[in-house]
C-alpha cells in the first residue's frame, strides 16, 4: 500500500519534515503520558452504524480494524456483529472513562 492512499497529507508532510515542531503537530496527548497520532483517533461525528447489541453503535472505519467484528450486510455495512467478542484488553481506562478507539457506546 502506498502511503498517500492511507495517510493524511498533513501526516506525510510532518513525517517528511521530521522536526520536533512538525511531529508535535500530529501527536496528541489525551491523558498525561499517553501519546497518539491525531489521525488515528475516531471522529465522533463520523459514520456510525448500528450493531447487533441494542443501543451500541460503532465507527465504521474503526470496526474494520477489529478482527472479531464483521458486518451482516457488507453493502450497507450494518449491523456490526461480534462487538461483545472484543477482548477487554482492547479497552483503555483514562481518567475513569473507558476509552476504546474502535467502539462508541451511545
Protein backbone atom coordinates (compact mmCIF):
# COMPACT_ATOMS: atom_id res chain seq x y z
CA UNK A 1 0.00 0.00 0.00
CA UNK A 2 1.35 3.41 -0.93
CA UNK A 3 1.40 5.90 2.00
CA UNK A 4 -0.61 8.51 0.08
CA UNK A 5 -3.58 6.13 -0.13
CA UNK A 6 -3.77 5.78 3.64
CA UNK A 7 -2.19 8.74 5.46
CA UNK A 8 -3.45 12.31 5.55
CA UNK A 9 -1.25 14.75 3.57
CA UNK A 10 -0.50 16.67 6.79
CA UNK A 11 0.75 13.45 8.39
CA UNK A 12 3.08 12.66 5.47
CA UNK A 13 4.36 16.26 5.46
CA UNK A 14 5.10 16.16 9.19
CA UNK A 15 6.93 12.83 8.96
CA UNK A 16 8.91 14.03 5.93
CA UNK A 17 9.94 17.28 7.66
CA UNK A 18 10.95 15.25 10.73
CA UNK A 19 11.29 18.21 13.08
CA UNK A 20 10.09 18.36 16.68
CA UNK A 21 7.57 21.04 15.73
CA UNK A 22 6.17 19.08 12.77
CA UNK A 23 5.87 15.88 14.80
CA UNK A 24 4.14 17.68 17.68
CA UNK A 25 1.56 18.95 15.19
CA UNK A 26 0.31 15.41 14.50
CA UNK A 27 0.55 13.95 18.01
CA UNK A 28 -1.98 14.48 20.79
CA UNK A 29 -1.81 13.65 24.49
CA UNK A 30 -5.33 12.58 25.58
CA UNK A 31 -4.02 11.83 29.08
CA UNK A 32 -0.66 12.64 30.72
CA UNK A 33 1.98 10.33 29.29
CA UNK A 34 -0.39 8.79 26.71
CA UNK A 35 0.51 9.87 23.18
CA UNK A 36 -1.32 9.08 19.97
CA UNK A 37 -1.47 10.28 16.40
CA UNK A 38 -4.41 12.62 15.91
CA UNK A 39 -5.37 10.99 12.60
CA UNK A 40 -5.85 7.62 14.34
CA UNK A 41 -8.45 8.98 16.73
CA UNK A 42 -12.07 8.26 15.88
CA UNK A 43 -14.20 11.10 14.62
CA UNK A 44 -17.16 11.05 16.99
CA UNK A 45 -19.22 12.73 14.29
CA UNK A 46 -18.12 10.18 11.68
CA UNK A 47 -20.08 7.33 10.17
CA UNK A 48 -21.77 5.33 12.91
CA UNK A 49 -23.58 2.09 12.23
CA UNK A 50 -25.81 0.00 14.49
CA UNK A 51 -24.60 -3.25 15.94
CA UNK A 52 -26.48 -6.38 16.89
CA UNK A 53 -26.42 -5.13 20.50
CA UNK A 54 -29.24 -2.72 21.41
CA UNK A 55 -28.08 0.92 21.77
CA UNK A 56 -24.50 0.10 20.76
CA UNK A 57 -23.12 1.85 17.68
CA UNK A 58 -19.71 1.53 16.04
CA UNK A 59 -17.48 3.73 13.91
CA UNK A 60 -17.37 2.04 10.51
CA UNK A 61 -13.67 2.66 9.91
CA UNK A 62 -12.72 1.57 13.42
CA UNK A 63 -14.79 -1.61 13.19
CA UNK A 64 -12.87 -2.63 10.05
CA UNK A 65 -9.72 -2.93 12.16
CA UNK A 66 -11.26 -5.24 14.76
CA UNK A 67 -10.73 -8.85 13.63
CA UNK A 68 -13.67 -10.07 15.73
CA UNK A 69 -16.12 -7.63 14.11
CA UNK A 70 -17.96 -8.22 10.84
CA UNK A 71 -20.96 -6.67 9.13
CA UNK A 72 -24.07 -8.73 8.39
CA UNK A 73 -24.64 -6.71 5.21
CA UNK A 74 -21.35 -5.80 3.52
CA UNK A 75 -23.01 -3.30 1.20
CA UNK A 76 -24.82 -1.29 3.90
CA UNK A 77 -22.14 -2.13 6.50
CA UNK A 78 -24.71 -2.89 9.17
CA UNK A 79 -25.37 -4.27 11.64
CA UNK A 80 -21.92 -4.82 13.12
CA UNK A 81 -21.59 -8.31 14.56
CA UNK A 82 -19.19 -9.54 17.23
CA UNK A 83 -18.83 -6.36 19.28
CA UNK A 84 -19.09 -8.28 22.55
CA UNK A 85 -16.24 -10.58 21.47
CA UNK A 86 -13.72 -7.72 21.51
CA UNK A 87 -11.27 -8.58 24.32
CA UNK A 88 -11.24 -6.32 27.36
CA UNK A 89 -7.55 -5.63 26.68
CA UNK A 90 -8.66 -3.52 23.70
CA UNK A 91 -10.22 -1.05 26.13
CA UNK A 92 -8.05 1.50 27.93
CA UNK A 93 -9.19 3.35 31.05
CA UNK A 94 -8.25 7.04 31.05
CA UNK A 95 -9.25 9.27 33.98
CA UNK A 96 -12.12 6.98 34.98
CA UNK A 97 -13.53 6.75 31.47
CA UNK A 98 -13.31 3.68 29.28
CA UNK A 99 -11.64 4.73 26.05
CA UNK A 100 -11.79 2.39 23.11
CA UNK A 101 -10.58 3.68 19.76
CA UNK A 102 -12.75 1.16 17.96
CA UNK A 103 -16.22 1.27 19.51
CA UNK A 104 -18.52 4.03 20.68
CA UNK A 105 -21.22 3.14 23.19
CA UNK A 106 -24.03 5.59 22.71
